[in-house]
N, C-alpha and C. Protein backbone atom coordinates (compact mmCIF):
# COMPACT_ATOMS: atom_id res chain seq x y z
N MET A 1 75.35 11.72 -7.56
CA MET A 1 74.25 11.91 -6.63
C MET A 1 74.80 11.81 -5.21
N ASN A 2 74.41 12.75 -4.37
CA ASN A 2 74.83 12.79 -2.97
C ASN A 2 73.65 12.43 -2.06
N THR A 3 73.97 12.05 -0.83
CA THR A 3 72.95 11.68 0.14
C THR A 3 72.96 12.66 1.30
N TYR A 4 71.77 13.11 1.69
CA TYR A 4 71.62 14.10 2.75
C TYR A 4 70.57 13.64 3.76
N LEU A 5 70.77 14.04 5.02
CA LEU A 5 69.72 13.95 6.02
C LEU A 5 69.15 15.36 6.15
N VAL A 6 67.83 15.45 6.11
CA VAL A 6 67.18 16.75 6.26
C VAL A 6 66.17 16.65 7.40
N LYS A 7 65.96 17.77 8.08
CA LYS A 7 64.96 17.80 9.14
C LYS A 7 63.81 18.68 8.70
N LEU A 8 62.61 18.09 8.67
CA LEU A 8 61.39 18.79 8.32
C LEU A 8 60.59 19.06 9.59
N VAL A 9 59.90 20.19 9.64
CA VAL A 9 59.06 20.51 10.79
C VAL A 9 57.63 20.72 10.31
N PHE A 10 56.70 20.06 11.01
CA PHE A 10 55.27 20.18 10.74
C PHE A 10 54.56 20.70 11.98
N SER A 11 53.51 21.48 11.77
CA SER A 11 52.63 21.91 12.85
C SER A 11 51.42 20.99 12.82
N ILE A 12 50.99 20.54 14.00
CA ILE A 12 49.83 19.65 14.11
C ILE A 12 48.77 20.39 14.92
N SER A 13 47.60 20.54 14.34
CA SER A 13 46.52 21.21 15.08
C SER A 13 45.23 20.40 14.94
N ILE A 14 44.43 20.45 16.00
CA ILE A 14 43.14 19.78 16.03
C ILE A 14 42.09 20.85 16.21
N GLU A 15 41.08 20.85 15.33
CA GLU A 15 40.07 21.91 15.35
C GLU A 15 39.39 22.01 16.71
N ASP A 16 39.14 23.23 17.11
CA ASP A 16 38.41 23.53 18.34
C ASP A 16 39.07 22.98 19.60
N LYS A 17 40.35 22.70 19.55
CA LYS A 17 41.05 22.20 20.75
C LYS A 17 41.98 23.29 21.26
N LYS A 18 41.81 23.64 22.50
CA LYS A 18 42.72 24.58 23.17
C LYS A 18 43.75 23.75 23.92
N ARG A 19 44.90 23.61 23.33
CA ARG A 19 45.96 22.81 23.94
C ARG A 19 47.30 23.42 23.56
N LEU A 20 48.34 22.84 24.10
CA LEU A 20 49.67 23.29 23.74
C LEU A 20 49.89 23.06 22.25
N SER A 21 50.64 23.93 21.63
CA SER A 21 50.97 23.76 20.22
C SER A 21 51.82 22.51 20.05
N GLN A 22 51.55 21.75 18.98
CA GLN A 22 52.34 20.55 18.69
C GLN A 22 53.10 20.72 17.38
N PHE A 23 54.35 20.29 17.40
CA PHE A 23 55.18 20.32 16.20
C PHE A 23 55.86 18.96 16.07
N ASP A 24 55.92 18.47 14.86
CA ASP A 24 56.55 17.18 14.59
C ASP A 24 57.82 17.45 13.79
N GLU A 25 58.96 16.99 14.30
CA GLU A 25 60.23 17.10 13.59
C GLU A 25 60.55 15.73 13.01
N GLN A 26 60.82 15.69 11.72
CA GLN A 26 61.12 14.43 11.04
C GLN A 26 62.47 14.53 10.36
N ILE A 27 63.26 13.48 10.50
CA ILE A 27 64.53 13.40 9.80
C ILE A 27 64.34 12.47 8.62
N ARG A 28 64.64 12.97 7.43
CA ARG A 28 64.43 12.22 6.19
C ARG A 28 65.73 12.10 5.42
N LEU A 29 65.82 11.04 4.62
CA LEU A 29 66.96 10.81 3.74
C LEU A 29 66.61 11.34 2.36
N ILE A 30 67.48 12.16 1.79
CA ILE A 30 67.26 12.76 0.47
C ILE A 30 68.49 12.51 -0.40
N LYS A 31 68.25 12.10 -1.63
CA LYS A 31 69.33 11.99 -2.62
C LYS A 31 69.18 13.16 -3.58
N ALA A 32 70.28 13.91 -3.76
CA ALA A 32 70.24 15.10 -4.61
C ALA A 32 71.64 15.40 -5.13
N ASN A 33 71.70 16.25 -6.13
CA ASN A 33 72.99 16.61 -6.72
C ASN A 33 73.84 17.47 -5.79
N ASP A 34 73.19 18.38 -5.05
CA ASP A 34 73.92 19.26 -4.13
C ASP A 34 72.98 19.70 -3.01
N THR A 35 73.52 20.48 -2.08
CA THR A 35 72.75 20.90 -0.91
C THR A 35 71.53 21.73 -1.30
N LYS A 36 71.69 22.60 -2.28
CA LYS A 36 70.56 23.43 -2.73
C LYS A 36 69.43 22.55 -3.25
N ASP A 37 69.77 21.56 -4.10
CA ASP A 37 68.75 20.64 -4.62
C ASP A 37 68.11 19.84 -3.49
N ALA A 38 68.92 19.43 -2.51
CA ALA A 38 68.40 18.66 -1.37
C ALA A 38 67.39 19.51 -0.59
N PHE A 39 67.71 20.79 -0.39
CA PHE A 39 66.81 21.67 0.34
C PHE A 39 65.46 21.78 -0.37
N PHE A 40 65.50 22.05 -1.67
CA PHE A 40 64.24 22.24 -2.40
C PHE A 40 63.47 20.93 -2.58
N LYS A 41 64.19 19.83 -2.71
CA LYS A 41 63.52 18.52 -2.79
C LYS A 41 62.82 18.21 -1.46
N ALA A 42 63.51 18.49 -0.35
CA ALA A 42 62.92 18.26 0.98
C ALA A 42 61.72 19.17 1.20
N ARG A 43 61.83 20.40 0.78
CA ARG A 43 60.72 21.35 0.93
C ARG A 43 59.50 20.88 0.13
N SER A 44 59.74 20.39 -1.07
CA SER A 44 58.65 19.86 -1.90
C SER A 44 58.01 18.65 -1.24
N LEU A 45 58.83 17.77 -0.69
CA LEU A 45 58.33 16.59 0.02
C LEU A 45 57.44 17.00 1.20
N GLY A 46 57.90 17.97 1.96
CA GLY A 46 57.12 18.45 3.11
C GLY A 46 55.77 19.00 2.68
N LYS A 47 55.74 19.79 1.63
CA LYS A 47 54.48 20.36 1.15
C LYS A 47 53.53 19.26 0.69
N LYS A 48 54.08 18.22 0.03
CA LYS A 48 53.24 17.11 -0.45
C LYS A 48 52.62 16.33 0.70
N GLU A 49 53.27 16.34 1.86
CA GLU A 49 52.79 15.55 2.98
C GLU A 49 51.88 16.32 3.93
N GLU A 50 51.56 17.55 3.59
CA GLU A 50 50.55 18.27 4.38
C GLU A 50 49.24 17.50 4.24
N ASP A 51 48.45 17.52 5.30
CA ASP A 51 47.23 16.72 5.26
C ASP A 51 46.20 17.30 6.22
N VAL A 52 44.95 17.06 5.91
CA VAL A 52 43.83 17.38 6.79
C VAL A 52 42.94 16.14 6.79
N PHE A 53 42.59 15.65 7.99
CA PHE A 53 41.80 14.43 8.08
C PHE A 53 41.02 14.41 9.39
N ALA A 54 40.04 13.55 9.47
CA ALA A 54 39.27 13.37 10.70
C ALA A 54 39.92 12.26 11.52
N ASN A 55 40.13 12.54 12.81
CA ASN A 55 40.70 11.51 13.68
C ASN A 55 39.59 10.58 14.19
N LYS A 56 39.94 9.67 15.08
CA LYS A 56 38.97 8.68 15.57
C LYS A 56 37.81 9.33 16.33
N ASN A 57 38.01 10.57 16.82
CA ASN A 57 36.95 11.29 17.52
C ASN A 57 36.19 12.23 16.58
N ASN A 58 36.43 12.06 15.29
CA ASN A 58 35.79 12.86 14.25
C ASN A 58 36.14 14.35 14.37
N GLU A 59 37.35 14.63 14.89
CA GLU A 59 37.86 15.99 14.96
C GLU A 59 38.78 16.22 13.77
N LEU A 60 38.75 17.41 13.23
CA LEU A 60 39.58 17.73 12.07
C LEU A 60 41.02 17.98 12.53
N VAL A 61 41.95 17.19 11.99
CA VAL A 61 43.37 17.30 12.31
C VAL A 61 44.09 17.87 11.09
N LYS A 62 44.94 18.85 11.33
CA LYS A 62 45.67 19.48 10.23
C LYS A 62 47.17 19.36 10.47
N TRP A 63 47.86 18.76 9.49
CA TRP A 63 49.32 18.71 9.48
C TRP A 63 49.77 19.75 8.45
N GLU A 64 50.48 20.78 8.93
CA GLU A 64 50.93 21.84 8.05
C GLU A 64 52.46 21.88 8.06
N PHE A 65 53.04 21.84 6.87
CA PHE A 65 54.49 21.88 6.74
C PHE A 65 54.98 23.29 7.08
N ILE A 66 55.98 23.37 7.97
CA ILE A 66 56.57 24.66 8.33
C ILE A 66 57.77 24.95 7.42
N ASP A 67 58.80 24.09 7.51
CA ASP A 67 59.96 24.28 6.62
C ASP A 67 61.03 23.24 6.91
N VAL A 68 62.09 23.30 6.12
CA VAL A 68 63.29 22.48 6.30
C VAL A 68 64.20 23.27 7.23
N ILE A 69 64.63 22.66 8.35
CA ILE A 69 65.44 23.43 9.30
C ILE A 69 66.89 22.98 9.41
N ASP A 70 67.23 21.81 8.87
CA ASP A 70 68.62 21.34 8.89
C ASP A 70 68.88 20.46 7.69
N ILE A 71 70.11 20.50 7.20
CA ILE A 71 70.56 19.60 6.14
C ILE A 71 71.96 19.14 6.50
N TYR A 72 72.18 17.83 6.43
CA TYR A 72 73.49 17.25 6.70
C TYR A 72 73.89 16.39 5.51
N SER A 73 75.05 16.66 4.95
CA SER A 73 75.57 15.84 3.87
C SER A 73 76.19 14.58 4.47
N LEU A 74 75.65 13.44 4.10
CA LEU A 74 76.22 12.18 4.61
C LEU A 74 77.56 11.89 3.97
N ASN A 75 77.82 12.47 2.81
CA ASN A 75 79.09 12.23 2.12
C ASN A 75 80.26 12.86 2.87
N ASP A 76 80.00 13.91 3.67
CA ASP A 76 81.06 14.62 4.38
C ASP A 76 81.25 14.15 5.82
N LEU A 77 80.44 13.21 6.26
CA LEU A 77 80.51 12.78 7.66
C LEU A 77 81.67 11.83 7.89
N LYS A 78 82.21 11.92 9.09
CA LYS A 78 83.30 11.03 9.51
C LYS A 78 82.73 9.93 10.39
N ASP A 79 83.41 8.80 10.45
CA ASP A 79 82.98 7.69 11.28
C ASP A 79 82.82 8.14 12.73
N GLY A 80 81.68 7.85 13.30
CA GLY A 80 81.41 8.19 14.69
C GLY A 80 80.88 9.60 14.92
N GLU A 81 80.70 10.38 13.85
CA GLU A 81 80.22 11.76 14.01
C GLU A 81 78.77 11.78 14.49
N GLN A 82 78.46 12.69 15.39
CA GLN A 82 77.10 12.79 15.95
C GLN A 82 76.15 13.39 14.92
N LEU A 83 75.00 12.76 14.77
CA LEU A 83 73.97 13.26 13.88
C LEU A 83 72.77 13.80 14.64
N TYR A 84 72.52 13.27 15.82
CA TYR A 84 71.31 13.62 16.54
C TYR A 84 71.56 13.44 18.03
N ALA A 85 70.98 14.30 18.83
CA ALA A 85 71.07 14.17 20.28
C ALA A 85 69.78 14.68 20.91
N LEU A 86 69.38 14.05 21.98
CA LEU A 86 68.18 14.46 22.71
C LEU A 86 68.43 14.18 24.18
N THR A 87 68.23 15.16 25.02
CA THR A 87 68.44 15.00 26.46
C THR A 87 67.10 14.76 27.13
N HIS A 88 67.03 13.71 27.92
CA HIS A 88 65.81 13.38 28.67
C HIS A 88 66.02 13.77 30.12
N GLU A 89 64.97 14.29 30.74
CA GLU A 89 64.98 14.54 32.18
C GLU A 89 63.90 13.68 32.80
N THR A 90 64.24 12.98 33.87
CA THR A 90 63.27 12.12 34.52
C THR A 90 63.58 12.02 36.00
N GLU A 91 62.55 11.77 36.78
CA GLU A 91 62.75 11.55 38.21
C GLU A 91 63.07 10.08 38.49
N ASP A 92 62.86 9.21 37.50
CA ASP A 92 63.06 7.78 37.68
C ASP A 92 64.12 7.27 36.71
N ALA A 93 65.39 7.47 37.07
CA ALA A 93 66.50 7.09 36.21
C ALA A 93 66.52 5.59 35.92
N ASP A 94 66.19 4.76 36.91
CA ASP A 94 66.21 3.31 36.71
C ASP A 94 65.23 2.89 35.61
N SER A 95 64.05 3.48 35.61
CA SER A 95 63.06 3.13 34.57
C SER A 95 63.55 3.53 33.19
N PHE A 96 64.20 4.69 33.08
CA PHE A 96 64.69 5.10 31.77
C PHE A 96 65.81 4.18 31.31
N ILE A 97 66.68 3.78 32.20
CA ILE A 97 67.77 2.86 31.84
C ILE A 97 67.20 1.52 31.41
N LYS A 98 66.18 1.02 32.11
CA LYS A 98 65.52 -0.24 31.72
C LYS A 98 64.89 -0.10 30.34
N TYR A 99 64.24 1.04 30.09
CA TYR A 99 63.65 1.31 28.78
C TYR A 99 64.73 1.28 27.68
N ALA A 100 65.86 1.96 27.93
CA ALA A 100 66.94 2.00 26.94
C ALA A 100 67.50 0.60 26.68
N ASN A 101 67.68 -0.18 27.74
CA ASN A 101 68.19 -1.55 27.57
C ASN A 101 67.20 -2.42 26.80
N HIS A 102 65.91 -2.26 27.08
CA HIS A 102 64.88 -3.01 26.37
C HIS A 102 64.87 -2.65 24.88
N LYS A 103 64.95 -1.35 24.57
CA LYS A 103 64.98 -0.92 23.17
C LYS A 103 66.22 -1.47 22.46
N SER A 104 67.34 -1.54 23.17
CA SER A 104 68.57 -2.09 22.59
C SER A 104 68.40 -3.56 22.24
N ILE A 105 67.76 -4.30 23.12
CA ILE A 105 67.50 -5.73 22.86
C ILE A 105 66.61 -5.89 21.63
N LEU A 106 65.57 -5.07 21.52
CA LEU A 106 64.69 -5.14 20.36
C LEU A 106 65.44 -4.79 19.07
N THR A 107 66.32 -3.80 19.15
CA THR A 107 67.11 -3.40 17.98
C THR A 107 68.05 -4.53 17.58
N GLN A 108 68.71 -5.14 18.56
CA GLN A 108 69.61 -6.26 18.26
C GLN A 108 68.86 -7.41 17.62
N ALA A 109 67.66 -7.68 18.09
CA ALA A 109 66.87 -8.79 17.56
C ALA A 109 66.53 -8.58 16.08
N LYS A 110 66.42 -7.33 15.65
CA LYS A 110 66.12 -7.04 14.24
C LYS A 110 67.31 -7.35 13.34
N PHE A 111 68.53 -7.17 13.85
CA PHE A 111 69.69 -7.23 12.98
C PHE A 111 70.65 -8.39 13.25
N VAL A 112 70.50 -9.05 14.36
CA VAL A 112 71.39 -10.16 14.70
C VAL A 112 70.62 -11.45 14.58
N THR A 113 71.12 -12.36 13.77
CA THR A 113 70.46 -13.66 13.64
C THR A 113 71.38 -14.74 14.16
N LEU A 114 70.77 -15.80 14.62
CA LEU A 114 71.56 -16.92 15.10
C LEU A 114 72.09 -17.70 13.91
N SER A 115 73.36 -18.13 13.98
CA SER A 115 73.94 -18.89 12.88
C SER A 115 73.79 -20.37 13.13
């Protein structure tokens, strides 16, 4: 059994709302025999997670699975290899750096315990 990271894309729409289109990209862990099996397992997972529900404003929200857009075999990765990148643009660099430092502290608190 091999381990893969897959990226699923969903469309999010709210009935009777004229707004920018929304898409949700999710990275999921999949265990499968090979890349082909991982693709179809991820696609099945995405279809199962489609949903229609009423939000807190009683508006109909629809999550529609689009497709699997990336597959990465974790078995083939090398130490330090990049898996994900996102570039942020902001007019307030100091606030973003403070945010990043704060998130790092929260992450450390989850995994580092005092002896």
